[in-house]
Protein backbone atom coordinates (compact mmCIF):
# COMPACT_ATOMS: atom_id res chain seq x y z
CA MET A 1 -13.48 13.87 -12.21
CA GLY A 2 -13.74 13.28 -15.92
CA VAL A 3 -13.52 9.88 -18.13
CA THR A 4 -11.58 10.02 -20.84
CA PRO A 5 -12.90 7.64 -24.10
CA LYS A 6 -10.14 5.04 -23.68
CA GLN A 7 -11.62 4.54 -20.10
CA PHE A 8 -14.71 4.54 -20.72
CA ALA A 9 -14.20 2.22 -23.49
CA ALA A 10 -11.93 -0.53 -20.94
CA MET A 11 -15.10 0.04 -18.37
CA GLU A 12 -17.27 -1.48 -21.30
CA ALA A 13 -14.87 -4.07 -21.71
CA ARG A 14 -14.92 -5.29 -18.27
CA ILE A 15 -18.67 -5.27 -18.54
CA ALA A 16 -18.85 -6.88 -21.69
CA GLY A 17 -16.21 -9.66 -19.97
CA ARG A 18 -13.74 -8.63 -22.28
CA THR A 19 -9.88 -6.74 -22.07
CA SER A 20 -9.71 -3.36 -23.26
CA SER A 21 -7.63 -4.45 -26.12
CA GLY A 22 -10.76 -6.47 -27.34
CA ILE A 23 -9.40 -9.93 -26.50
CA SER A 24 -12.79 -11.75 -25.25
CA GLY A 25 -13.72 -15.51 -24.40
CA PRO A 26 -11.01 -17.80 -23.12
CA THR A 27 -7.99 -15.94 -24.64
CA ALA A 28 -8.25 -12.82 -22.47
CA LYS A 29 -5.11 -13.06 -19.61
CA PRO A 30 -6.72 -13.58 -16.18
CA ALA A 31 -6.18 -11.02 -13.42
CA GLU A 32 -3.18 -11.81 -11.39
CA THR A 33 -5.41 -11.29 -8.15
CA SER A 34 -9.10 -11.08 -7.40
CA LEU A 35 -8.60 -8.11 -5.22
CA HIS A 36 -12.55 -9.03 -3.82
CA LEU A 37 -12.80 -7.87 -0.59
CA PRO A 38 -15.79 -8.46 1.50
CA GLU A 39 -16.45 -5.41 4.16
CA GLY A 40 -15.20 -5.76 7.19
CA SER A 41 -11.65 -6.73 6.11
CA ARG A 42 -8.46 -5.08 7.11
CA VAL A 43 -5.50 -3.47 4.77
CA LEU A 44 -1.96 -3.10 6.47
CA GLY A 45 0.59 -0.71 4.81
CA ILE A 46 3.78 -1.07 5.01
CA ASP A 47 6.68 2.22 4.51
CA PRO A 48 9.61 -0.06 5.16
CA SER A 49 12.71 2.07 6.56
CA LEU A 50 15.64 0.51 8.48
CA ARG A 51 15.46 3.49 11.23
CA GLY A 52 11.62 4.43 10.67
CA THR A 53 9.28 1.84 8.92
CA GLY A 54 5.54 3.07 9.00
CA TRP A 55 2.52 0.80 9.21
CA GLY A 56 -1.03 1.63 8.86
CA VAL A 57 -4.00 -0.47 9.21
CA ILE A 58 -7.92 0.12 8.23
CA ARG A 59 -11.07 -1.70 7.53
CA ILE A 60 -13.01 -1.50 4.95
CA GLY A 61 -16.90 0.02 6.06
CA PRO A 62 -19.89 0.50 4.41
CA ALA A 63 -18.99 4.22 3.97
CA GLY A 64 -15.51 4.00 3.42
CA PRO A 65 -12.15 2.88 4.71
CA VAL A 66 -11.96 3.39 8.27
CA PHE A 67 -8.80 3.73 10.52
CA LEU A 68 -7.74 1.38 13.43
CA GLU A 69 -4.23 1.62 14.11
CA ALA A 70 -0.95 3.03 12.97
CA GLY A 71 2.89 3.79 13.75
CA THR A 72 6.03 4.15 13.17
CA ILE A 73 9.25 1.36 13.99
CA ARG A 74 11.76 3.59 14.99
CA CYS A 75 15.31 2.32 15.99
CA PRO A 76 18.20 4.38 16.98
CA LYS A 77 21.24 5.14 14.95
CA THR A 78 23.57 3.61 17.67
CA TRP A 79 21.70 0.26 17.09
CA GLU A 80 23.25 -2.50 14.22
CA ARG A 81 21.28 -2.86 10.98
CA SER A 82 20.35 -6.79 12.27
CA ARG A 83 18.92 -5.35 15.75
CA CYS A 84 17.12 -2.62 13.75
CA LEU A 85 15.61 -6.11 11.21
CA GLY A 86 15.07 -8.26 14.85
CA GLU A 87 12.73 -5.45 15.69
CA ILE A 88 10.76 -4.61 12.40
CA GLN A 89 9.83 -8.02 12.63
CA ARG A 90 8.78 -7.66 16.38
CA VAL A 91 6.97 -4.98 15.77
CA LEU A 92 5.32 -6.15 12.87
CA SER A 93 4.46 -9.41 13.84
CA GLU A 94 2.69 -7.51 17.03
CA VAL A 95 0.72 -5.88 14.38
CA LEU A 96 -0.52 -8.87 12.45
CA GLN A 97 -1.73 -10.22 15.81
CA ARG A 98 -3.89 -7.66 17.11
CA HIS A 99 -5.24 -6.48 13.46
CA PRO A 100 -4.60 -9.80 11.32
CA PRO A 101 -5.16 -8.33 7.88
CA ALA A 102 -6.57 -9.75 4.69
CA LEU A 103 -4.02 -7.78 2.71
CA CYS A 104 -0.76 -5.97 2.52
CA ALA A 105 0.49 -2.58 0.32
CA CYS A 106 4.00 -2.23 0.65
CA GLU A 107 5.78 0.85 -1.04
CA GLY A 108 7.80 -0.40 -4.27
CA LEU A 109 11.50 0.12 -4.74
CA PHE A 110 12.19 3.41 -6.05
CA PHE A 111 15.89 4.89 -7.63
CA ALA A 112 18.55 5.28 -4.88
CA GLN A 113 21.41 7.08 -6.11
CA ASN A 114 23.76 5.96 -3.22
CA LEU A 115 24.36 1.85 -3.43
CA GLN A 116 24.59 1.76 0.34
CA THR A 117 21.49 3.41 0.66
CA ALA A 118 19.57 0.74 -1.65
CA LEU A 119 20.97 -2.39 -0.04
CA ILE A 120 19.46 -0.69 3.36
CA MET A 121 16.66 -0.04 2.47
CA GLY A 122 16.46 -3.26 0.48
CA GLU A 123 17.34 -5.24 3.64
CA ALA A 124 14.46 -3.41 5.73
CA ARG A 125 11.89 -4.36 3.11
CA GLY A 126 13.11 -7.47 2.89
CA ALA A 127 12.80 -7.64 6.70
CA ALA A 128 8.88 -6.45 6.59
CA MET A 129 7.99 -8.12 3.71
CA ALA A 130 9.23 -11.74 5.00
CA THR A 131 7.30 -10.65 8.31
CA ILE A 132 4.18 -10.54 6.22
CA ALA A 133 4.47 -13.64 3.70
CA ARG A 134 4.64 -15.85 7.15
CA THR A 135 1.43 -15.48 6.98
CA GLY A 136 0.17 -15.84 3.87
CA VAL A 137 -1.61 -12.43 3.51
CA GLU A 138 -1.33 -11.33 0.23
CA ILE A 139 1.29 -8.67 -0.43
CA HIS A 140 1.24 -5.83 -3.11
CA GLU A 141 3.94 -3.28 -3.92
CA ILE A 142 2.86 0.43 -5.30
CA ALA A 143 5.38 2.77 -6.37
CA PRO A 144 5.58 5.94 -4.28
CA ARG A 145 4.77 8.58 -7.32
CA LYS A 146 1.88 6.00 -7.90
CA VAL A 147 0.87 6.83 -4.39
CA LYS A 148 1.40 10.41 -4.48
CA LEU A 149 -0.70 11.03 -7.35
CA ALA A 150 -3.72 8.73 -6.11
CA MET A 151 -3.91 10.63 -3.03
CA VAL A 152 -2.68 14.08 -4.26
CA GLY A 153 -3.19 14.11 -7.82
CA TYR A 154 0.83 14.73 -8.46
CA GLY A 155 3.23 12.46 -8.39
CA ALA A 156 5.83 14.50 -7.17
CA ALA A 157 3.84 15.80 -3.67
CA GLN A 158 5.60 16.73 -0.85
CA LYS A 159 5.42 14.20 1.89
CA VAL A 160 3.35 16.31 4.12
CA ALA A 161 0.51 17.07 1.46
CA VAL A 162 0.22 13.29 1.78
CA ALA A 163 -0.15 13.07 5.42
CA LYS A 164 -2.98 16.00 5.38
CA MET A 165 -5.06 14.13 2.50
CA VAL A 166 -4.60 10.76 4.53
CA GLN A 167 -6.03 12.99 7.45
CA ARG A 168 -8.98 14.40 5.45
CA GLN A 169 -9.87 10.77 4.44
CA LEU A 170 -9.74 8.74 7.67
CA GLY A 171 -11.36 12.25 9.55
CA LEU A 172 -8.26 12.09 12.02
CA SER A 173 -8.28 14.79 14.76
CA GLU A 174 -4.27 15.08 14.09
CA ILE A 175 -1.59 14.84 10.73
CA PRO A 176 -0.46 11.39 11.58
CA ASP A 177 3.66 11.22 11.41
CA PRO A 178 5.20 11.15 8.35
CA ASP A 179 5.91 7.84 8.16
CA ALA A 180 2.77 6.21 9.56
CA ALA A 181 1.09 8.55 6.88
CA ASP A 182 2.44 6.97 4.15
CA ALA A 183 1.94 3.71 5.12
CA LEU A 184 -2.20 4.62 5.89
CA ALA A 185 -2.01 6.59 2.08
CA LEU A 186 0.02 2.88 0.32
CA ALA A 187 -3.22 1.37 2.23
CA LEU A 188 -5.91 3.75 1.36
CA VAL A 189 -4.70 3.88 -2.45
CA MET A 190 -5.01 -0.20 -2.07
CA VAL A 191 -9.03 0.17 -1.18
CA GLN A 192 -9.15 2.28 -4.01
CA GLU A 193 -7.99 -0.31 -6.14
CA LEU A 194 -10.32 -2.80 -5.31
CA ARG A 195 -13.20 -0.47 -6.73
CA ASN A 196 -11.67 0.92 -9.71
CA PRO A 197 -12.28 -0.63 -12.64
CA LEU A 198 -9.88 0.77 -14.52
CA GLY A 199 -7.29 -1.28 -13.88
CA PRO A 200 -4.61 -1.91 -11.12
CA ALA A 201 -1.65 0.36 -10.29
CA SER A 202 -0.44 -2.19 -7.39
CA LYS A 203 1.83 -5.49 -8.43
CA ARG A 204 1.59 -8.37 -6.31
CA VAL A 205 4.66 -9.96 -4.92
């Protein structure tokens, strides 16, 4: 992949201890978070949804990210919303015990034409984030379009294209479940950001 003159200038500025705008010294705005994790650290990805919250855990290895575990928290349509929120909290609590992460990447909010759908999605997202936040783990959100752009190179890519790229990058024998694949993609993009000298795609929440 080529580097544009603007990107090259940004890299030079970072090496020189300046921001891309040319501000140097104590007047430069500090980064919101260091985003430096040692080898062996785990990163958790969360793709929240009331009926199918995807989650995935990877480890930062010497040769690249390593798959640990992933799954989807499925809640039948017959369940009340409160029961689904409780199930999201229960399962994620178990995941946190098995794989204590150093960082969590959650899918950011997206535009929804239906207000009711947006509210329900917000409830699921809140249940997931509150469960993670109780542990003190740093949470970042990444917009769905940025995840697709980073994984496939196209911001409007289909879920199957993202899942296939996840399978390829992690060396999985099978394509993961779509929701779990989206969660793993979030974790992978978060790891990419840790090594990206050109600035973050995520936002700390």
